[in-house]
Amino acid sequence: MAKILNEKRVIEYEKEYKVKVVELTEQLDVKAIEIAEILGLHPMMLYRWRQEYREGKLSYESTRRVGMTAKKQKTSITDKQLSELEELKELRKKNARLEKENDLLKKWQGYLAELKQKDSLS
């Protein structure tokens, strides 16, 4: 996972962990910033990992070191966090569907109001 390299709280993450986190952001329909928050990572670190992954630069040999504060040491993805991310994904899908239904009902209501107005004019 991660190891603290000195007293300044510089943490070096293993390549496997970075790849798992990046793949998680791509598999789930959740914003990367939310995943970073759940995992206790700085969003810019996650964005950089995603960019390096896309460019093929994410490798086993060397990793960058990034300074982290003591309160952001949580680095492993727990089952609870994974289930929360999946629930968030499902809720977003449901919300999008309900918004579409609501828009359709508003259009239908407008159409009926138009018909009623035309009938009253004739």
N, C-alpha and C. Protein backbone atom coordinates (compact mmCIF):
# COMPACT_ATOMS: atom_id res chain seq x y z
N MET A 1 0.83 -1.19 0.00
CA MET A 1 0.00 0.00 0.00
C MET A 1 0.87 1.25 0.00
N ALA A 2 1.09 1.79 1.17
CA ALA A 2 1.86 3.02 1.27
C ALA A 2 2.84 2.88 2.41
N LYS A 3 3.97 3.55 2.27
CA LYS A 3 4.91 3.57 3.38
C LYS A 3 5.39 4.99 3.60
N ILE A 4 5.52 5.35 4.86
CA ILE A 4 5.97 6.69 5.22
C ILE A 4 7.49 6.67 5.18
N LEU A 5 8.07 7.61 4.43
CA LEU A 5 9.50 7.58 4.18
C LEU A 5 10.30 8.42 5.16
N ASN A 6 9.72 9.45 5.74
CA ASN A 6 10.45 10.24 6.72
C ASN A 6 9.50 10.99 7.62
N GLU A 7 10.05 11.84 8.49
CA GLU A 7 9.22 12.54 9.46
C GLU A 7 8.31 13.58 8.83
N LYS A 8 8.52 13.96 7.58
CA LYS A 8 7.67 14.95 6.91
C LYS A 8 6.41 14.32 6.33
N ARG A 9 6.18 13.08 6.60
CA ARG A 9 4.99 12.37 6.14
C ARG A 9 4.94 12.22 4.63
N VAL A 10 6.07 12.01 4.00
CA VAL A 10 6.08 11.75 2.57
C VAL A 10 5.70 10.29 2.38
N ILE A 11 4.69 10.06 1.60
CA ILE A 11 4.19 8.71 1.42
C ILE A 11 4.45 8.26 -0.01
N GLU A 12 4.95 7.05 -0.13
CA GLU A 12 5.19 6.47 -1.44
C GLU A 12 4.20 5.32 -1.64
N TYR A 13 3.38 5.41 -2.67
CA TYR A 13 2.38 4.40 -2.94
C TYR A 13 2.91 3.38 -3.93
N GLU A 14 2.54 2.14 -3.73
CA GLU A 14 2.95 1.09 -4.64
C GLU A 14 2.17 1.20 -5.95
N LYS A 15 2.78 0.72 -7.00
CA LYS A 15 2.19 0.81 -8.33
C LYS A 15 0.86 0.06 -8.40
N GLU A 16 0.80 -1.10 -7.75
CA GLU A 16 -0.43 -1.89 -7.79
C GLU A 16 -1.59 -1.11 -7.19
N TYR A 17 -1.33 -0.41 -6.10
CA TYR A 17 -2.37 0.39 -5.45
C TYR A 17 -2.84 1.50 -6.38
N LYS A 18 -1.89 2.18 -7.01
CA LYS A 18 -2.25 3.27 -7.92
C LYS A 18 -3.12 2.75 -9.06
N VAL A 19 -2.72 1.62 -9.63
CA VAL A 19 -3.47 1.05 -10.75
C VAL A 19 -4.87 0.66 -10.31
N LYS A 20 -4.99 0.05 -9.12
CA LYS A 20 -6.31 -0.34 -8.62
C LYS A 20 -7.21 0.87 -8.43
N VAL A 21 -6.67 1.93 -7.88
CA VAL A 21 -7.46 3.14 -7.65
C VAL A 21 -7.89 3.76 -8.98
N VAL A 22 -6.96 3.83 -9.93
CA VAL A 22 -7.29 4.41 -11.24
C VAL A 22 -8.35 3.57 -11.94
N GLU A 23 -8.20 2.25 -11.90
CA GLU A 23 -9.19 1.39 -12.55
C GLU A 23 -10.55 1.51 -11.86
N LEU A 24 -10.54 1.70 -10.55
CA LEU A 24 -11.79 1.90 -9.83
C LEU A 24 -12.50 3.17 -10.30
N THR A 25 -11.74 4.23 -10.52
CA THR A 25 -12.35 5.48 -10.98
C THR A 25 -12.93 5.33 -12.38
N GLU A 26 -12.33 4.47 -13.18
CA GLU A 26 -12.83 4.29 -14.54
C GLU A 26 -14.01 3.33 -14.60
N GLN A 27 -14.06 2.36 -13.69
CA GLN A 27 -15.14 1.39 -13.70
C GLN A 27 -16.43 1.96 -13.15
N LEU A 28 -16.32 2.75 -12.09
CA LEU A 28 -17.51 3.30 -11.46
C LEU A 28 -17.86 4.64 -12.08
N ASP A 29 -19.12 4.93 -12.12
CA ASP A 29 -19.58 6.20 -12.67
C ASP A 29 -19.66 7.22 -11.53
N VAL A 30 -18.50 7.46 -10.90
CA VAL A 30 -18.40 8.36 -9.76
C VAL A 30 -17.27 9.33 -10.05
N LYS A 31 -17.41 10.55 -9.59
CA LYS A 31 -16.36 11.55 -9.82
C LYS A 31 -15.09 11.15 -9.08
N ALA A 32 -13.97 11.42 -9.73
CA ALA A 32 -12.67 11.07 -9.14
C ALA A 32 -12.45 11.79 -7.83
N ILE A 33 -12.95 12.99 -7.72
CA ILE A 33 -12.75 13.77 -6.49
C ILE A 33 -13.44 13.09 -5.30
N GLU A 34 -14.58 12.43 -5.56
CA GLU A 34 -15.27 11.72 -4.49
C GLU A 34 -14.50 10.48 -4.06
N ILE A 35 -13.93 9.78 -5.02
CA ILE A 35 -13.11 8.60 -4.69
C ILE A 35 -11.89 9.04 -3.91
N ALA A 36 -11.26 10.13 -4.34
CA ALA A 36 -10.08 10.63 -3.63
C ALA A 36 -10.44 10.99 -2.19
N GLU A 37 -11.58 11.61 -2.01
CA GLU A 37 -12.01 12.00 -0.66
C GLU A 37 -12.24 10.78 0.21
N ILE A 38 -12.89 9.76 -0.35
CA ILE A 38 -13.17 8.55 0.41
C ILE A 38 -11.87 7.84 0.79
N LEU A 39 -10.90 7.83 -0.12
CA LEU A 39 -9.64 7.14 0.14
C LEU A 39 -8.63 7.99 0.92
N GLY A 40 -8.97 9.26 1.14
CA GLY A 40 -8.05 10.12 1.88
C GLY A 40 -6.87 10.58 1.03
N LEU A 41 -7.07 10.67 -0.28
CA LEU A 41 -6.02 11.13 -1.19
C LEU A 41 -6.33 12.56 -1.62
N HIS A 42 -5.29 13.27 -2.01
CA HIS A 42 -5.50 14.59 -2.58
C HIS A 42 -5.99 14.39 -4.01
N PRO A 43 -7.04 15.11 -4.43
CA PRO A 43 -7.58 14.92 -5.78
C PRO A 43 -6.55 15.10 -6.88
N MET A 44 -5.64 16.02 -6.72
CA MET A 44 -4.63 16.23 -7.77
C MET A 44 -3.72 15.01 -7.93
N MET A 45 -3.48 14.31 -6.82
CA MET A 45 -2.67 13.10 -6.90
C MET A 45 -3.40 12.06 -7.75
N LEU A 46 -4.68 11.91 -7.51
CA LEU A 46 -5.47 10.94 -8.27
C LEU A 46 -5.54 11.34 -9.74
N TYR A 47 -5.73 12.62 -10.02
CA TYR A 47 -5.76 13.08 -11.41
C TYR A 47 -4.42 12.79 -12.11
N ARG A 48 -3.32 12.99 -11.39
CA ARG A 48 -2.01 12.72 -11.97
C ARG A 48 -1.84 11.23 -12.24
N TRP A 49 -2.27 10.39 -11.31
CA TRP A 49 -2.20 8.95 -11.51
C TRP A 49 -3.02 8.54 -12.72
N ARG A 50 -4.20 9.12 -12.87
CA ARG A 50 -5.04 8.79 -14.02
C ARG A 50 -4.37 9.20 -15.32
N GLN A 51 -3.74 10.36 -15.34
CA GLN A 51 -3.05 10.83 -16.54
C GLN A 51 -1.87 9.91 -16.85
N GLU A 52 -1.08 9.56 -15.83
CA GLU A 52 0.05 8.67 -16.04
C GLU A 52 -0.42 7.30 -16.53
N TYR A 53 -1.54 6.84 -16.02
CA TYR A 53 -2.09 5.55 -16.45
C TYR A 53 -2.48 5.60 -17.92
N ARG A 54 -3.15 6.67 -18.33
CA ARG A 54 -3.56 6.82 -19.73
C ARG A 54 -2.36 6.91 -20.66
N GLU A 55 -1.30 7.58 -20.20
CA GLU A 55 -0.11 7.76 -21.03
C GLU A 55 0.83 6.56 -20.95
N GLY A 56 0.52 5.58 -20.12
CA GLY A 56 1.37 4.41 -19.98
C GLY A 56 2.62 4.66 -19.15
N LYS A 57 2.63 5.73 -18.40
CA LYS A 57 3.80 6.08 -17.60
C LYS A 57 3.78 5.45 -16.20
N LEU A 58 2.66 4.91 -15.81
CA LEU A 58 2.55 4.32 -14.49
C LEU A 58 3.28 2.99 -14.52
N SER A 59 4.42 2.92 -13.81
CA SER A 59 5.25 1.73 -13.89
C SER A 59 5.61 1.23 -12.50
N TYR A 60 6.10 -0.01 -12.44
CA TYR A 60 6.46 -0.64 -11.17
C TYR A 60 7.74 -0.06 -10.57
N GLU A 61 8.67 0.38 -11.40
CA GLU A 61 10.00 0.75 -10.93
C GLU A 61 9.99 1.95 -9.98
N SER A 62 9.69 3.10 -10.51
CA SER A 62 9.80 4.29 -9.68
C SER A 62 8.43 4.92 -9.49
N THR A 63 8.27 5.49 -8.32
CA THR A 63 7.03 6.20 -8.04
C THR A 63 7.38 7.58 -7.55
N ARG A 64 6.48 8.51 -7.74
CA ARG A 64 6.70 9.86 -7.24
C ARG A 64 6.38 9.90 -5.76
N ARG A 65 7.02 10.80 -5.07
CA ARG A 65 6.74 10.98 -3.66
C ARG A 65 5.94 12.27 -3.49
N VAL A 66 4.93 12.16 -2.70
CA VAL A 66 4.07 13.31 -2.49
C VAL A 66 3.90 13.51 -1.00
N GLY A 67 4.03 14.75 -0.55
CA GLY A 67 3.85 15.05 0.87
C GLY A 67 2.39 14.94 1.25
N MET A 68 2.13 14.30 2.36
CA MET A 68 0.77 14.12 2.83
C MET A 68 0.70 14.54 4.30
N THR A 69 -0.44 15.02 4.71
CA THR A 69 -0.62 15.36 6.11
C THR A 69 -0.96 14.11 6.90
N ALA A 70 -0.81 14.18 8.18
CA ALA A 70 -1.03 13.02 9.03
C ALA A 70 -2.47 12.52 8.96
N LYS A 71 -3.44 13.40 8.78
CA LYS A 71 -4.82 12.96 8.78
C LYS A 71 -5.26 12.33 7.47
N LYS A 72 -4.41 12.32 6.46
CA LYS A 72 -4.78 11.74 5.16
C LYS A 72 -3.97 10.47 4.90
N GLN A 73 -3.87 9.60 5.88
CA GLN A 73 -3.09 8.39 5.71
C GLN A 73 -3.91 7.19 5.29
N LYS A 74 -5.22 7.30 5.32
CA LYS A 74 -6.08 6.18 4.99
C LYS A 74 -5.89 5.85 3.51
N THR A 75 -5.40 4.64 3.21
CA THR A 75 -5.04 4.34 1.84
C THR A 75 -5.70 3.09 1.26
N SER A 76 -6.33 2.28 2.08
CA SER A 76 -6.90 1.06 1.52
C SER A 76 -8.40 1.23 1.29
N ILE A 77 -8.87 0.58 0.25
CA ILE A 77 -10.28 0.63 -0.10
C ILE A 77 -10.98 -0.47 0.68
N THR A 78 -11.87 -0.08 1.56
CA THR A 78 -12.59 -1.08 2.34
C THR A 78 -13.85 -1.50 1.60
N ASP A 79 -14.42 -2.60 2.05
CA ASP A 79 -15.67 -3.08 1.44
C ASP A 79 -16.78 -2.06 1.62
N LYS A 80 -16.78 -1.40 2.77
CA LYS A 80 -17.81 -0.39 3.03
C LYS A 80 -17.68 0.76 2.04
N GLN A 81 -16.45 1.22 1.80
CA GLN A 81 -16.23 2.32 0.86
C GLN A 81 -16.63 1.91 -0.54
N LEU A 82 -16.29 0.69 -0.91
CA LEU A 82 -16.65 0.20 -2.24
C LEU A 82 -18.16 0.12 -2.39
N SER A 83 -18.84 -0.36 -1.36
CA SER A 83 -20.30 -0.44 -1.43
C SER A 83 -20.92 0.96 -1.47
N GLU A 84 -20.31 1.92 -0.76
CA GLU A 84 -20.80 3.30 -0.81
C GLU A 84 -20.65 3.89 -2.21
N LEU A 85 -19.52 3.61 -2.85
CA LEU A 85 -19.31 4.09 -4.21
C LEU A 85 -20.31 3.48 -5.18
N GLU A 86 -20.57 2.19 -5.02
CA GLU A 86 -21.53 1.53 -5.90
C GLU A 86 -22.94 2.07 -5.65
N GLU A 87 -23.27 2.31 -4.37
CA GLU A 87 -24.58 2.88 -4.04
C GLU A 87 -24.71 4.28 -4.64
N LEU A 88 -23.64 5.06 -4.56
CA LEU A 88 -23.65 6.40 -5.15
C LEU A 88 -23.88 6.33 -6.66
N LYS A 89 -23.24 5.38 -7.30
CA LYS A 89 -23.42 5.19 -8.74
C LYS A 89 -24.87 4.88 -9.07
N GLU A 90 -25.46 3.95 -8.31
CA GLU A 90 -26.86 3.58 -8.53
C GLU A 90 -27.79 4.76 -8.28
N LEU A 91 -27.53 5.52 -7.23
CA LEU A 91 -28.38 6.67 -6.92
C LEU A 91 -28.30 7.74 -8.01
N ARG A 92 -27.12 7.91 -8.57
CA ARG A 92 -26.98 8.88 -9.67
C ARG A 92 -27.77 8.43 -10.89
N LYS A 93 -27.72 7.13 -11.18
CA LYS A 93 -28.49 6.61 -12.32
C LYS A 93 -29.98 6.82 -12.08
N LYS A 94 -30.42 6.50 -10.87
CA LYS A 94 -31.83 6.66 -10.53
C LYS A 94 -32.24 8.12 -10.62
N ASN A 95 -31.39 9.02 -10.12
CA ASN A 95 -31.67 10.45 -10.17
C ASN A 95 -31.79 10.93 -11.62
N ALA A 96 -30.90 10.49 -12.47
CA ALA A 96 -30.96 10.88 -13.89
C ALA A 96 -32.25 10.40 -14.54
N ARG A 97 -32.66 9.17 -14.22
CA ARG A 97 -33.90 8.62 -14.77
C ARG A 97 -35.10 9.42 -14.29
N LEU A 98 -35.12 9.75 -13.00
CA LEU A 98 -36.24 10.51 -12.45
C LEU A 98 -36.30 11.93 -13.02
N GLU A 99 -35.12 12.52 -13.26
CA GLU A 99 -35.11 13.85 -13.87
C GLU A 99 -35.68 13.80 -15.29
N LYS A 100 -35.36 12.75 -16.04
CA LYS A 100 -35.92 12.60 -17.38
C LYS A 100 -37.43 12.42 -17.32
N GLU A 101 -37.88 11.60 -16.37
CA GLU A 101 -39.32 11.41 -16.23
C GLU A 101 -40.00 12.73 -15.87
N ASN A 102 -39.41 13.47 -14.98
CA ASN A 102 -39.97 14.76 -14.57
C ASN A 102 -40.04 15.72 -15.76
N ASP A 103 -38.99 15.78 -16.56
CA ASP A 103 -38.99 16.64 -17.74
C ASP A 103 -40.09 16.23 -18.72
N LEU A 104 -40.25 14.92 -18.90
CA LEU A 104 -41.29 14.43 -19.80
C LEU A 104 -42.67 14.82 -19.29
N LEU A 105 -42.89 14.69 -17.99
CA LEU A 105 -44.19 15.07 -17.42
C LEU A 105 -44.45 16.57 -17.56
N LYS A 106 -43.40 17.37 -17.40
CA LYS A 106 -43.55 18.82 -17.57
C LYS A 106 -43.93 19.15 -19.02
N LYS A 107 -43.30 18.47 -19.97
CA LYS A 107 -43.62 18.69 -21.38
C LYS A 107 -45.05 18.28 -21.67
N TRP A 108 -45.46 17.15 -21.11
CA TRP A 108 -46.82 16.67 -21.32
C TRP A 108 -47.82 17.65 -20.73
N GLN A 109 -47.53 18.17 -19.55
CA GLN A 109 -48.41 19.15 -18.91
C GLN A 109 -48.52 20.42 -19.77
N GLY A 110 -47.40 20.86 -20.33
CA GLY A 110 -47.41 22.01 -21.22
C GLY A 110 -48.22 21.76 -22.47
N TYR A 111 -48.11 20.56 -23.01
CA TYR A 111 -48.87 20.19 -24.21
C TYR A 111 -50.37 20.20 -23.92
N LEU A 112 -50.76 19.63 -22.78
CA LEU A 112 -52.17 19.61 -22.41
C LEU A 112 -52.70 21.02 -22.18
N ALA A 113 -51.89 21.88 -21.58
CA ALA A 113 -52.30 23.27 -21.37
C ALA A 113 -52.49 23.97 -22.70
N GLU A 114 -51.63 23.69 -23.67
CA GLU A 114 -51.75 24.27 -25.01
C GLU A 114 -53.05 23.82 -25.68
N LEU A 115 -53.35 22.52 -25.58
CA LEU A 115 -54.59 22.00 -26.17
C LEU A 115 -55.81 22.64 -25.52
N LYS A 116 -55.76 22.78 -24.22
CA LYS A 116 -56.89 23.38 -23.51
C LYS A 116 -57.09 24.84 -23.93
N GLN A 117 -55.96 25.55 -24.11
CA GLN A 117 -56.04 26.95 -24.53
C GLN A 117 -56.58 27.05 -25.94
N LYS A 118 -56.17 26.18 -26.84
CA LYS A 118 -56.68 26.19 -28.22
C LYS A 118 -58.17 25.88 -28.24
N ASP A 119 -58.59 24.92 -27.42
CA ASP A 119 -60.02 24.57 -27.37
C ASP A 119 -60.86 25.73 -26.84
N SER A 120 -60.32 26.47 -25.88
CA SER A 120 -61.09 27.58 -25.31
C SER A 120 -61.18 28.76 -26.27
N LEU A 121 -60.20 28.88 -27.19
CA LEU A 121 -60.21 29.96 -28.17
C LEU A 121 -61.19 29.67 -29.30
N SER A 122 -61.47 28.40 -29.58
CA SER A 122 -62.35 28.09 -30.70
C SER A 122 -63.81 28.07 -30.34
